[in-house]
């Protein structure tokens, strides 16, 4: 199985690659749309702003390959900005159109809270999903963000977190799963999440 991590200049790229390798994967780090198109499993990491993310994805001609990959039904994991970019629009620094894969908006955490929301926080499992295999409900993961997704469809929320507001920290639909936190910075439990994604991907590639 060809496991691709998309390189569009995101700051957490190497730590994601190390975590995937530690979890037993052999990732190809690439900014090539052709590699995205031929991937058996795809990870889009990310830190930074929505505007920069979308600008860099367009610069590398990755927007359509990523959309087409997700539409194909192959396993996809988005991390942090890689989750937010899946929605229609981000309000970070004005309104910026994103990938439009998931209906909804990315909005700022409420006024009065310290932002970014940085550090360890709990994830409550809202509904079962293979990404949570052997991960206890209420486990702590590492967050760094000032914005969060507000999906139009609450059915895609499989994990949520409290920080002044209850927000979706894990979303999933069909072949797609994405986290607001950084599993690669979340110790053993975060590595388990990457292992789970690799198992999901391996199962998908067998069928």
N, C-alpha and C. Protein backbone atom coordinates (compact mmCIF):
# COMPACT_ATOMS: atom_id res chain seq x y z
N UNK A 1 0.83 -1.19 0.00
CA UNK A 1 0.00 0.00 0.00
C UNK A 1 0.88 1.25 0.00
N UNK A 2 0.60 2.15 -0.90
CA UNK A 2 1.34 3.41 -0.98
C UNK A 2 0.73 4.42 0.00
N UNK A 3 1.46 4.74 1.05
CA UNK A 3 1.01 5.67 2.09
C UNK A 3 1.67 7.03 1.85
N UNK A 4 0.87 8.02 1.54
CA UNK A 4 1.38 9.34 1.16
C UNK A 4 1.06 10.38 2.22
N UNK A 5 2.07 11.16 2.61
CA UNK A 5 1.87 12.35 3.45
C UNK A 5 2.10 13.57 2.57
N UNK A 6 1.11 14.43 2.50
CA UNK A 6 1.16 15.58 1.60
C UNK A 6 2.06 16.67 2.18
N UNK A 7 3.04 17.07 1.40
CA UNK A 7 3.97 18.14 1.79
C UNK A 7 3.59 19.42 1.06
N UNK A 8 2.98 20.35 1.80
CA UNK A 8 2.68 21.65 1.21
C UNK A 8 3.30 22.77 2.06
N UNK A 9 4.33 22.38 2.83
CA UNK A 9 5.03 23.35 3.66
C UNK A 9 4.53 23.41 5.10
N UNK A 10 3.73 22.44 5.52
CA UNK A 10 3.20 22.45 6.88
C UNK A 10 4.29 22.13 7.90
N UNK A 11 4.24 22.81 9.03
CA UNK A 11 5.31 22.71 10.02
C UNK A 11 5.41 21.38 10.74
N UNK A 12 4.31 20.62 10.82
CA UNK A 12 4.35 19.37 11.59
C UNK A 12 4.60 18.15 10.71
N UNK A 13 5.03 18.38 9.50
CA UNK A 13 5.19 17.30 8.52
C UNK A 13 6.14 16.20 9.02
N UNK A 14 7.32 16.59 9.49
CA UNK A 14 8.32 15.59 9.89
C UNK A 14 7.88 14.80 11.12
N UNK A 15 7.24 15.48 12.07
CA UNK A 15 6.80 14.76 13.27
C UNK A 15 5.68 13.77 12.93
N UNK A 16 4.83 14.13 11.97
CA UNK A 16 3.80 13.19 11.51
C UNK A 16 4.46 11.98 10.84
N UNK A 17 5.44 12.25 9.98
CA UNK A 17 6.14 11.16 9.29
C UNK A 17 6.83 10.22 10.29
N UNK A 18 7.46 10.79 11.31
CA UNK A 18 8.12 9.96 12.33
C UNK A 18 7.11 9.10 13.07
N UNK A 19 5.96 9.70 13.41
CA UNK A 19 4.93 8.95 14.13
C UNK A 19 4.39 7.81 13.27
N UNK A 20 4.17 8.08 11.99
CA UNK A 20 3.67 7.04 11.08
C UNK A 20 4.69 5.92 10.95
N UNK A 21 5.96 6.26 10.83
CA UNK A 21 7.01 5.25 10.75
C UNK A 21 7.06 4.42 12.03
N UNK A 22 6.95 5.10 13.17
CA UNK A 22 6.96 4.41 14.46
C UNK A 22 5.78 3.46 14.57
N UNK A 23 4.66 3.85 13.95
CA UNK A 23 3.45 3.02 14.00
C UNK A 23 3.50 1.87 13.00
N UNK A 24 4.58 1.80 12.22
CA UNK A 24 4.76 0.68 11.31
C UNK A 24 4.54 0.98 9.85
N UNK A 25 4.31 2.25 9.52
CA UNK A 25 4.10 2.63 8.12
C UNK A 25 5.40 3.05 7.44
N UNK A 26 5.37 3.08 6.13
CA UNK A 26 6.51 3.56 5.33
C UNK A 26 6.00 4.70 4.45
N UNK A 27 5.96 5.91 5.01
CA UNK A 27 5.32 7.00 4.28
C UNK A 27 6.20 7.59 3.17
N UNK A 28 5.52 8.02 2.12
CA UNK A 28 6.14 8.81 1.07
C UNK A 28 5.72 10.26 1.30
N UNK A 29 6.69 11.14 1.54
CA UNK A 29 6.41 12.55 1.73
C UNK A 29 6.55 13.23 0.37
N UNK A 30 5.49 13.89 -0.09
CA UNK A 30 5.51 14.40 -1.45
C UNK A 30 4.60 15.61 -1.62
N UNK A 31 4.93 16.46 -2.57
CA UNK A 31 4.06 17.57 -2.96
C UNK A 31 3.53 17.35 -4.38
N UNK A 32 3.61 16.11 -4.85
CA UNK A 32 3.18 15.76 -6.20
C UNK A 32 1.72 15.32 -6.24
N UNK A 33 0.95 15.98 -7.07
CA UNK A 33 -0.44 15.57 -7.26
C UNK A 33 -0.56 14.17 -7.81
N UNK A 34 0.41 13.74 -8.61
CA UNK A 34 0.38 12.37 -9.17
C UNK A 34 0.53 11.33 -8.07
N UNK A 35 1.39 11.63 -7.09
CA UNK A 35 1.53 10.70 -5.97
C UNK A 35 0.24 10.63 -5.15
N UNK A 36 -0.43 11.77 -5.00
CA UNK A 36 -1.72 11.79 -4.30
C UNK A 36 -2.73 10.92 -5.05
N UNK A 37 -2.77 11.08 -6.35
CA UNK A 37 -3.73 10.32 -7.17
C UNK A 37 -3.52 8.82 -7.08
N UNK A 38 -2.26 8.39 -6.91
CA UNK A 38 -1.96 6.95 -6.89
C UNK A 38 -1.82 6.38 -5.48
N UNK A 39 -2.12 7.19 -4.47
CA UNK A 39 -1.96 6.75 -3.08
C UNK A 39 -3.00 5.70 -2.70
N UNK A 40 -2.59 4.80 -1.80
CA UNK A 40 -3.52 3.86 -1.20
C UNK A 40 -4.08 4.37 0.11
N UNK A 41 -3.36 5.28 0.74
CA UNK A 41 -3.79 5.97 1.97
C UNK A 41 -3.14 7.34 1.96
N UNK A 42 -3.87 8.34 2.45
CA UNK A 42 -3.39 9.73 2.35
C UNK A 42 -3.53 10.43 3.69
N UNK A 43 -2.47 11.14 4.09
CA UNK A 43 -2.50 11.97 5.31
C UNK A 43 -2.18 13.40 4.92
N UNK A 44 -3.05 14.33 5.34
CA UNK A 44 -2.78 15.76 5.16
C UNK A 44 -2.58 16.37 6.54
N UNK A 45 -1.33 16.69 6.90
CA UNK A 45 -1.06 17.32 8.20
C UNK A 45 -1.27 18.83 8.08
N UNK A 46 -0.88 19.57 9.11
CA UNK A 46 -0.96 21.01 8.96
C UNK A 46 -0.91 21.79 10.25
N UNK A 47 -0.22 22.89 10.21
CA UNK A 47 -0.28 23.92 11.24
C UNK A 47 -0.31 25.26 10.50
N UNK A 48 -0.80 26.30 11.17
CA UNK A 48 -0.82 27.61 10.52
C UNK A 48 -2.22 28.03 10.15
N UNK A 49 -2.32 29.00 9.26
CA UNK A 49 -3.61 29.61 8.93
C UNK A 49 -4.26 28.93 7.73
N UNK A 50 -5.57 29.09 7.65
CA UNK A 50 -6.32 28.54 6.52
C UNK A 50 -5.89 29.19 5.21
N UNK A 51 -5.68 30.50 5.25
CA UNK A 51 -5.30 31.22 4.03
C UNK A 51 -3.98 30.68 3.48
N UNK A 52 -2.99 30.52 4.37
CA UNK A 52 -1.69 29.99 3.94
C UNK A 52 -1.80 28.56 3.44
N UNK A 53 -2.59 27.77 4.15
CA UNK A 53 -2.76 26.36 3.76
C UNK A 53 -3.35 26.26 2.37
N UNK A 54 -4.45 26.97 2.13
CA UNK A 54 -5.10 26.88 0.82
C UNK A 54 -4.22 27.48 -0.28
N UNK A 55 -3.50 28.54 0.05
CA UNK A 55 -2.59 29.14 -0.94
C UNK A 55 -1.52 28.14 -1.35
N UNK A 56 -0.95 27.45 -0.36
CA UNK A 56 0.11 26.48 -0.65
C UNK A 56 -0.42 25.25 -1.38
N UNK A 57 -1.62 24.80 -1.02
CA UNK A 57 -2.22 23.67 -1.74
C UNK A 57 -2.47 24.03 -3.20
N UNK A 58 -2.94 25.27 -3.42
CA UNK A 58 -3.16 25.70 -4.82
C UNK A 58 -1.83 25.84 -5.55
N UNK A 59 -0.83 26.39 -4.86
CA UNK A 59 0.49 26.59 -5.46
C UNK A 59 1.07 25.28 -5.98
N UNK A 60 0.85 24.20 -5.23
CA UNK A 60 1.38 22.89 -5.62
C UNK A 60 0.38 22.08 -6.45
N UNK A 61 -0.73 22.73 -6.86
CA UNK A 61 -1.77 22.05 -7.65
C UNK A 61 -2.27 20.78 -6.97
N UNK A 62 -2.53 20.90 -5.65
CA UNK A 62 -2.94 19.74 -4.86
C UNK A 62 -4.43 19.72 -4.52
N UNK A 63 -5.12 20.83 -4.75
CA UNK A 63 -6.52 20.93 -4.32
C UNK A 63 -7.38 19.86 -4.99
N UNK A 64 -7.36 19.82 -6.31
CA UNK A 64 -8.20 18.84 -7.01
C UNK A 64 -7.76 17.40 -6.77
N UNK A 65 -6.44 17.09 -6.80
CA UNK A 65 -6.06 15.72 -6.48
C UNK A 65 -6.53 15.25 -5.10
N UNK A 66 -6.49 16.14 -4.10
CA UNK A 66 -6.96 15.75 -2.76
C UNK A 66 -8.47 15.53 -2.77
N UNK A 67 -9.21 16.45 -3.39
CA UNK A 67 -10.67 16.27 -3.48
C UNK A 67 -11.03 14.97 -4.19
N UNK A 68 -10.35 14.71 -5.30
CA UNK A 68 -10.65 13.51 -6.09
C UNK A 68 -10.26 12.25 -5.33
N UNK A 69 -9.15 12.32 -4.60
CA UNK A 69 -8.72 11.18 -3.79
C UNK A 69 -9.80 10.85 -2.76
N UNK A 70 -10.27 11.85 -2.01
CA UNK A 70 -11.28 11.61 -0.98
C UNK A 70 -12.56 11.05 -1.61
N UNK A 71 -12.96 11.61 -2.74
CA UNK A 71 -14.17 11.16 -3.43
C UNK A 71 -14.06 9.71 -3.90
N UNK A 72 -12.83 9.24 -4.08
CA UNK A 72 -12.62 7.88 -4.58
C UNK A 72 -12.92 6.81 -3.54
N UNK A 73 -12.99 7.20 -2.26
CA UNK A 73 -13.30 6.25 -1.19
C UNK A 73 -12.10 5.63 -0.52
N UNK A 74 -10.89 6.08 -0.87
CA UNK A 74 -9.69 5.54 -0.22
C UNK A 74 -9.47 6.23 1.13
N UNK A 75 -8.75 5.57 2.06
CA UNK A 75 -8.59 6.08 3.43
C UNK A 75 -7.84 7.42 3.47
N UNK A 76 -8.40 8.34 4.26
CA UNK A 76 -7.84 9.69 4.37
C UNK A 76 -7.80 10.09 5.84
N UNK A 77 -6.67 10.69 6.25
CA UNK A 77 -6.54 11.25 7.61
C UNK A 77 -6.08 12.70 7.51
N UNK A 78 -6.85 13.60 8.11
CA UNK A 78 -6.46 15.00 8.21
C UNK A 78 -6.09 15.33 9.64
N UNK A 79 -5.03 16.13 9.83
CA UNK A 79 -4.54 16.46 11.17
C UNK A 79 -4.50 17.97 11.34
N UNK A 80 -5.18 18.48 12.36
CA UNK A 80 -5.19 19.90 12.74
C UNK A 80 -5.68 20.76 11.57
N UNK A 81 -4.79 21.52 10.92
CA UNK A 81 -5.21 22.31 9.78
C UNK A 81 -5.71 21.40 8.66
N UNK A 82 -5.20 20.17 8.64
CA UNK A 82 -5.66 19.18 7.68
C UNK A 82 -7.10 18.76 7.92
N UNK A 83 -7.61 19.01 9.12
CA UNK A 83 -9.04 18.82 9.40
C UNK A 83 -9.82 20.06 8.97
N UNK A 84 -9.35 21.24 9.42
CA UNK A 84 -10.10 22.46 9.15
C UNK A 84 -10.25 22.73 7.65
N UNK A 85 -9.22 22.39 6.89
CA UNK A 85 -9.24 22.66 5.44
C UNK A 85 -10.30 21.85 4.71
N UNK A 86 -10.85 20.81 5.34
CA UNK A 86 -11.86 19.98 4.70
C UNK A 86 -13.20 20.69 4.57
N UNK A 87 -13.43 21.71 5.38
CA UNK A 87 -14.74 22.36 5.42
C UNK A 87 -14.89 23.42 4.32
N UNK A 88 -16.08 23.98 4.22
CA UNK A 88 -16.37 24.92 3.13
C UNK A 88 -15.58 26.21 3.24
N UNK A 89 -15.61 26.79 4.45
CA UNK A 89 -15.09 28.14 4.65
C UNK A 89 -14.41 28.24 6.00
N UNK A 90 -13.29 28.96 6.06
CA UNK A 90 -12.68 29.32 7.35
C UNK A 90 -12.81 30.82 7.55
N UNK A 91 -13.14 31.21 8.78
CA UNK A 91 -13.26 32.63 9.12
C UNK A 91 -11.95 33.20 9.67
N UNK A 92 -10.88 32.43 9.57
CA UNK A 92 -9.59 32.87 10.10
C UNK A 92 -8.98 33.95 9.20
N UNK A 93 -8.88 35.18 9.75
CA UNK A 93 -8.32 36.29 8.97
C UNK A 93 -9.21 36.71 7.82
N UNK A 94 -10.54 36.71 8.05
CA UNK A 94 -11.49 36.97 6.98
C UNK A 94 -12.10 35.65 6.53
N UNK A 95 -12.85 35.68 5.46
CA UNK A 95 -13.46 34.44 4.96
C UNK A 95 -12.61 33.85 3.84
N UNK A 96 -12.25 32.59 4.02
CA UNK A 96 -11.41 31.92 3.02
C UNK A 96 -12.07 30.61 2.62
N UNK A 97 -12.35 30.42 1.34
CA UNK A 97 -12.88 29.14 0.90
C UNK A 97 -11.84 28.04 1.10
N UNK A 98 -12.32 26.88 1.57
CA UNK A 98 -11.42 25.75 1.79
C UNK A 98 -11.75 24.65 0.79
N UNK A 99 -11.51 23.39 1.14
CA UNK A 99 -11.67 22.30 0.17
C UNK A 99 -13.13 21.97 -0.13
N UNK A 100 -14.03 22.28 0.81
CA UNK A 100 -15.45 22.04 0.55
C UNK A 100 -15.82 20.57 0.51
N UNK A 101 -15.06 19.73 1.18
CA UNK A 101 -15.37 18.30 1.24
C UNK A 101 -16.47 18.03 2.27
N UNK A 102 -16.41 18.74 3.39
CA UNK A 102 -17.40 18.62 4.45
C UNK A 102 -18.16 19.93 4.59
N UNK A 103 -19.50 19.91 4.60
CA UNK A 103 -20.26 21.14 4.77
C UNK A 103 -20.07 21.73 6.16
N UNK A 104 -19.79 23.03 6.22
CA UNK A 104 -19.63 23.69 7.51
C UNK A 104 -18.59 24.79 7.45
N UNK A 105 -18.43 25.46 8.58
CA UNK A 105 -17.52 26.59 8.68
C UNK A 105 -16.50 26.36 9.80
N UNK A 106 -15.35 26.99 9.67
CA UNK A 106 -14.34 26.99 10.72
C UNK A 106 -14.38 28.37 11.38
N UNK A 107 -14.63 28.39 12.70
CA UNK A 107 -14.86 29.64 13.41
C UNK A 107 -13.90 29.78 14.59
N UNK A 108 -13.78 31.01 15.09
CA UNK A 108 -12.85 31.29 16.19
C UNK A 108 -13.42 30.82 17.52
N UNK A 109 -12.52 30.36 18.38
CA UNK A 109 -12.93 30.04 19.75
C UNK A 109 -13.52 31.28 20.41
N UNK A 110 -14.45 31.11 21.36
CA UNK A 110 -15.17 32.25 21.93
C UNK A 110 -14.26 33.30 22.57
N UNK A 111 -14.73 34.54 22.53
CA UNK A 111 -14.02 35.65 23.18
C UNK A 111 -13.86 35.36 24.67
N UNK A 112 -12.76 35.83 25.22
CA UNK A 112 -12.51 35.66 26.64
C UNK A 112 -11.66 34.44 26.98
N UNK A 113 -11.51 33.54 26.01
CA UNK A 113 -10.66 32.39 26.23
C UNK A 113 -9.23 32.70 25.81
N UNK A 114 -8.27 32.09 26.49
CA UNK A 114 -6.89 32.21 26.06
C UNK A 114 -6.71 31.42 24.76
N UNK A 115 -6.22 32.12 23.73
CA UNK A 115 -5.94 31.45 22.46
C UNK A 115 -4.49 31.70 22.08
N UNK A 116 -3.85 30.74 21.42
CA UNK A 116 -4.47 29.47 21.04
C UNK A 116 -4.77 28.57 22.24
N UNK A 117 -5.74 27.68 22.01
CA UNK A 117 -5.97 26.58 22.94
C UNK A 117 -4.77 25.66 22.78
N UNK A 118 -3.89 25.65 23.77
CA UNK A 118 -2.62 24.93 23.64
C UNK A 118 -2.41 24.02 24.83
N UNK A 119 -2.14 22.76 24.55
CA UNK A 119 -1.84 21.81 25.61
C UNK A 119 -2.75 20.60 25.56
N UNK A 120 -2.76 19.86 26.67
CA UNK A 120 -3.47 18.59 26.72
C UNK A 120 -4.93 18.80 27.09
N UNK A 121 -5.81 18.09 26.40
CA UNK A 121 -7.23 18.15 26.73
C UNK A 121 -7.87 16.81 26.37
N UNK A 122 -9.02 16.58 26.97
CA UNK A 122 -9.68 15.29 26.78
C UNK A 122 -10.52 15.25 25.52
N UNK A 123 -10.62 14.06 24.96
CA UNK A 123 -11.51 13.80 23.84
C UNK A 123 -12.57 12.81 24.30
N UNK A 124 -13.81 13.23 24.20
CA UNK A 124 -14.94 12.36 24.54
C UNK A 124 -15.41 11.68 23.27
N UNK A 125 -15.50 10.36 23.30
CA UNK A 125 -15.96 9.61 22.12
C UNK A 125 -17.48 9.72 22.03
N UNK A 126 -17.95 10.33 20.96
CA UNK A 126 -19.39 10.55 20.77
C UNK A 126 -20.05 9.32 20.15
N UNK A 127 -19.35 8.70 19.21
CA UNK A 127 -19.85 7.45 18.62
C UNK A 127 -18.66 6.59 18.21
N UNK A 128 -18.84 5.29 18.20
CA UNK A 128 -17.72 4.39 17.92
C UNK A 128 -17.14 4.61 16.52
N UNK A 129 -15.83 4.45 16.41
CA UNK A 129 -15.15 4.51 15.12
C UNK A 129 -13.85 3.73 15.27
N UNK A 130 -13.42 3.03 14.21
CA UNK A 130 -12.17 2.24 14.30
C UNK A 130 -10.94 3.07 14.67
N UNK A 131 -10.97 4.38 14.44
CA UNK A 131 -9.82 5.22 14.79
C UNK A 131 -9.60 5.23 16.30
N UNK A 132 -10.64 4.90 17.08
CA UNK A 132 -10.54 4.88 18.55
C UNK A 132 -10.26 3.49 19.11
N UNK A 133 -9.97 2.52 18.26
CA UNK A 133 -9.71 1.16 18.75
C UNK A 133 -8.63 1.16 19.84
N UNK A 134 -8.97 0.59 21.01
CA UNK A 134 -8.05 0.49 22.16
C UNK A 134 -7.65 1.85 22.73
N UNK A 135 -8.42 2.90 22.43
CA UNK A 135 -8.19 4.22 23.01
C UNK A 135 -9.35 4.52 23.96
N UNK A 136 -9.08 4.66 25.26
CA UNK A 136 -10.17 4.88 26.21
C UNK A 136 -10.88 6.22 26.00
N UNK A 137 -12.18 6.21 26.25
CA UNK A 137 -12.96 7.45 26.24
C UNK A 137 -12.37 8.41 27.27
N UNK A 138 -12.25 9.67 26.91
CA UNK A 138 -11.69 10.67 27.82
C UNK A 138 -10.17 10.76 27.78
N UNK A 139 -9.55 10.09 26.83
CA UNK A 139 -8.09 10.17 26.71
C UNK A 139 -7.65 11.59 26.37
N UNK A 140 -6.43 11.92 26.78
CA UNK A 140 -5.88 13.26 26.55
C UNK A 140 -5.03 13.29 25.29
N UNK A 141 -5.23 14.34 24.50
CA UNK A 141 -4.43 14.58 23.30
C UNK A 141 -3.93 16.03 23.32
N UNK A 142 -2.95 16.30 22.48
CA UNK A 142 -2.29 17.61 22.49
C UNK A 142 -2.88 18.53 21.41
N UNK A 143 -3.33 19.70 21.83
CA UNK A 143 -3.99 20.67 20.95
C UNK A 143 -3.16 21.94 20.79
N UNK A 144 -3.21 22.54 19.61
CA UNK A 144 -2.71 23.91 19.39
C UNK A 144 -3.59 24.51 18.30
N UNK A 145 -4.57 25.34 18.68
CA UNK A 145 -5.45 25.94 17.67
C UNK A 145 -6.24 27.10 18.28
N UNK A 146 -6.66 28.00 17.41
CA UNK A 146 -7.50 29.13 17.81
C UNK A 146 -8.88 29.07 17.16
N UNK A 147 -9.02 28.20 16.17
CA UNK A 147 -10.28 28.04 15.43
C UNK A 147 -10.71 26.58 15.49
N UNK A 148 -11.99 26.35 15.25
CA UNK A 148 -12.51 24.99 15.29
C UNK A 148 -13.63 24.84 14.26
N UNK A 149 -13.88 23.62 13.80
CA UNK A 149 -14.93 23.42 12.81
C UNK A 149 -16.32 23.41 13.42
N UNK A 150 -17.26 23.95 12.68
CA UNK A 150 -18.68 23.88 13.05
C UNK A 150 -19.41 23.20 11.89
N UNK A 151 -19.50 21.86 11.93
CA UNK A 151 -20.09 21.13 10.80
C UNK A 151 -21.59 21.39 10.67
N UNK A 152 -22.08 21.36 9.44
CA UNK A 152 -23.52 21.43 9.22
C UNK A 152 -24.20 20.14 9.66
N UNK A 153 -23.48 19.03 9.54
CA UNK A 153 -24.02 17.71 9.86
C UNK A 153 -23.37 17.18 11.13
N UNK A 154 -24.13 17.14 12.22
CA UNK A 154 -23.58 16.68 13.50
C UNK A 154 -23.24 15.19 13.47
N UNK A 155 -23.75 14.46 12.49
CA UNK A 155 -23.50 13.02 12.41
C UNK A 155 -22.04 12.70 12.11
N UNK A 156 -21.30 13.66 11.58
CA UNK A 156 -19.89 13.38 11.26
C UNK A 156 -18.99 13.49 12.50
N UNK A 157 -19.52 14.03 13.60
CA UNK A 157 -18.70 14.20 14.81
C UNK A 157 -18.60 12.86 15.54
N UNK A 158 -17.36 12.38 15.70
CA UNK A 158 -17.15 11.13 16.45
C UNK A 158 -16.39 11.34 17.75
N UNK A 159 -15.79 12.53 17.91
CA UNK A 159 -15.11 12.88 19.15
C UNK A 159 -15.27 14.37 19.40
N UNK A 160 -15.41 14.76 20.67
CA UNK A 160 -15.55 16.19 20.97
C UNK A 160 -14.78 16.56 22.24
N UNK A 161 -14.48 17.86 22.34
CA UNK A 161 -13.64 18.37 23.41
C UNK A 161 -14.24 19.67 23.93
N UNK A 162 -14.04 19.95 25.22
CA UNK A 162 -14.54 21.18 25.85
C UNK A 162 -13.41 22.17 26.02
N UNK A 163 -13.61 23.36 25.50
CA UNK A 163 -12.71 24.48 25.81
C UNK A 163 -13.50 25.77 25.61
N UNK A 164 -14.26 26.13 26.64
CA UNK A 164 -15.15 27.29 26.53
C UNK A 164 -16.37 27.00 25.69
N UNK A 165 -16.29 26.04 24.84
CA UNK A 165 -17.36 25.57 23.97
C UNK A 165 -17.08 24.10 23.68
N UNK A 166 -18.11 23.35 23.40
CA UNK A 166 -17.90 21.96 22.97
C UNK A 166 -17.67 21.96 21.47
N UNK A 167 -16.51 21.47 21.04
CA UNK A 167 -16.21 21.50 19.60
C UNK A 167 -15.82 20.11 19.11
N UNK A 168 -16.00 19.85 17.82
CA UNK A 168 -15.62 18.55 17.26
C UNK A 168 -14.10 18.42 17.20
N UNK A 169 -13.57 17.46 17.93
CA UNK A 169 -12.12 17.24 17.88
C UNK A 169 -11.76 16.07 16.97
N UNK A 170 -12.75 15.24 16.63
CA UNK A 170 -12.57 14.19 15.62
C UNK A 170 -13.83 14.13 14.77
N UNK A 171 -13.66 14.20 13.46
CA UNK A 171 -14.80 14.03 12.55
C UNK A 171 -14.50 12.86 11.62
N UNK A 172 -15.55 12.22 11.14
CA UNK A 172 -15.37 11.09 10.23
C UNK A 172 -16.60 10.96 9.35
N UNK A 173 -16.35 10.60 8.11
CA UNK A 173 -17.43 10.28 7.16
C UNK A 173 -16.89 9.32 6.13
N UNK A 174 -17.51 8.17 6.04
CA UNK A 174 -17.08 7.16 5.06
C UNK A 174 -15.59 6.85 5.25
N UNK A 175 -14.78 7.13 4.22
CA UNK A 175 -13.35 6.81 4.24
C UNK A 175 -12.51 7.87 4.94
N UNK A 176 -13.12 8.96 5.35
CA UNK A 176 -12.39 10.13 5.85
C UNK A 176 -12.48 10.20 7.37
N UNK A 177 -11.33 10.51 8.00
CA UNK A 177 -11.30 10.81 9.43
C UNK A 177 -10.30 11.95 9.64
N UNK A 178 -10.59 12.84 10.57
CA UNK A 178 -9.71 13.98 10.78
C UNK A 178 -9.78 14.43 12.23
N UNK A 179 -8.63 14.92 12.74
CA UNK A 179 -8.53 15.33 14.14
C UNK A 179 -8.11 16.79 14.24
N UNK A 180 -8.66 17.49 15.25
CA UNK A 180 -8.22 18.85 15.51
C UNK A 180 -6.91 18.87 16.29
N UNK A 181 -6.68 17.85 17.07
CA UNK A 181 -5.45 17.75 17.87
C UNK A 181 -4.33 17.12 17.04
N UNK A 182 -3.16 17.02 17.66
CA UNK A 182 -1.99 16.44 17.01
C UNK A 182 -1.69 15.07 17.62
N UNK A 183 -2.12 13.98 16.99
CA UNK A 183 -1.77 12.66 17.53
C UNK A 183 -0.26 12.46 17.64
N UNK A 184 0.49 13.04 16.70
CA UNK A 184 1.95 12.84 16.69
C UNK A 184 2.64 13.51 17.87
N UNK A 185 1.92 14.39 18.58
CA UNK A 185 2.48 15.04 19.77
C UNK A 185 1.80 14.53 21.05
N UNK A 186 1.05 13.44 20.91
CA UNK A 186 0.19 12.98 22.01
C UNK A 186 0.64 11.66 22.63
N UNK A 187 1.94 11.39 22.56
CA UNK A 187 2.49 10.23 23.25
C UNK A 187 1.99 8.90 22.72
N UNK A 188 1.93 7.93 23.62
CA UNK A 188 1.57 6.55 23.25
C UNK A 188 0.17 6.48 22.65
N UNK A 189 -0.75 7.23 23.24
CA UNK A 189 -2.15 7.16 22.78
C UNK A 189 -2.28 7.74 21.37
N UNK A 190 -1.46 8.76 21.06
CA UNK A 190 -1.46 9.33 19.72
C UNK A 190 -0.88 8.38 18.70
N UNK A 191 0.19 7.68 19.09
CA UNK A 191 0.76 6.67 18.19
C UNK A 191 -0.25 5.57 17.92
N UNK A 192 -1.03 5.22 18.94
CA UNK A 192 -2.07 4.21 18.75
C UNK A 192 -3.06 4.66 17.68
N UNK A 193 -3.36 5.95 17.65
CA UNK A 193 -4.31 6.45 16.66
C UNK A 193 -3.74 6.30 15.24
N UNK A 194 -2.44 6.56 15.09
CA UNK A 194 -1.82 6.34 13.78
C UNK A 194 -1.81 4.85 13.42
N UNK A 195 -1.55 4.00 14.41
CA UNK A 195 -1.61 2.56 14.17
C UNK A 195 -3.02 2.16 13.71
N UNK A 196 -4.03 2.73 14.34
CA UNK A 196 -5.41 2.43 13.96
C UNK A 196 -5.69 2.88 12.53
N UNK A 197 -5.18 4.04 12.16
CA UNK A 197 -5.40 4.50 10.78
C UNK A 197 -4.72 3.55 9.79
N UNK A 198 -3.52 3.11 10.12
CA UNK A 198 -2.82 2.18 9.24
C UNK A 198 -3.59 0.86 9.11
N UNK A 199 -4.21 0.41 10.21
CA UNK A 199 -5.03 -0.81 10.14
C UNK A 199 -6.26 -0.58 9.26
N UNK A 200 -6.90 0.58 9.43
CA UNK A 200 -8.05 0.91 8.59
C UNK A 200 -7.64 0.89 7.12
N UNK A 201 -6.50 1.51 6.84
CA UNK A 201 -6.00 1.60 5.46
C UNK A 201 -5.65 0.21 4.91
N UNK A 202 -5.04 -0.63 5.73
CA UNK A 202 -4.67 -1.97 5.29
C UNK A 202 -5.93 -2.79 4.99
N UNK A 203 -6.94 -2.64 5.82
CA UNK A 203 -8.20 -3.35 5.59
C UNK A 203 -8.88 -2.89 4.32
N UNK A 204 -8.81 -1.59 4.07
CA UNK A 204 -9.42 -1.04 2.85
C UNK A 204 -8.71 -1.53 1.61
N UNK A 205 -7.37 -1.69 1.70
CA UNK A 205 -6.61 -2.07 0.52
C UNK A 205 -6.80 -3.54 0.17
N UNK A 206 -7.25 -4.33 1.15
CA UNK A 206 -7.47 -5.76 0.89
C UNK A 206 -8.75 -5.97 0.07
N UNK A 207 -9.75 -5.13 0.34
CA UNK A 207 -11.06 -5.31 -0.32
C UNK A 207 -11.01 -4.96 -1.79
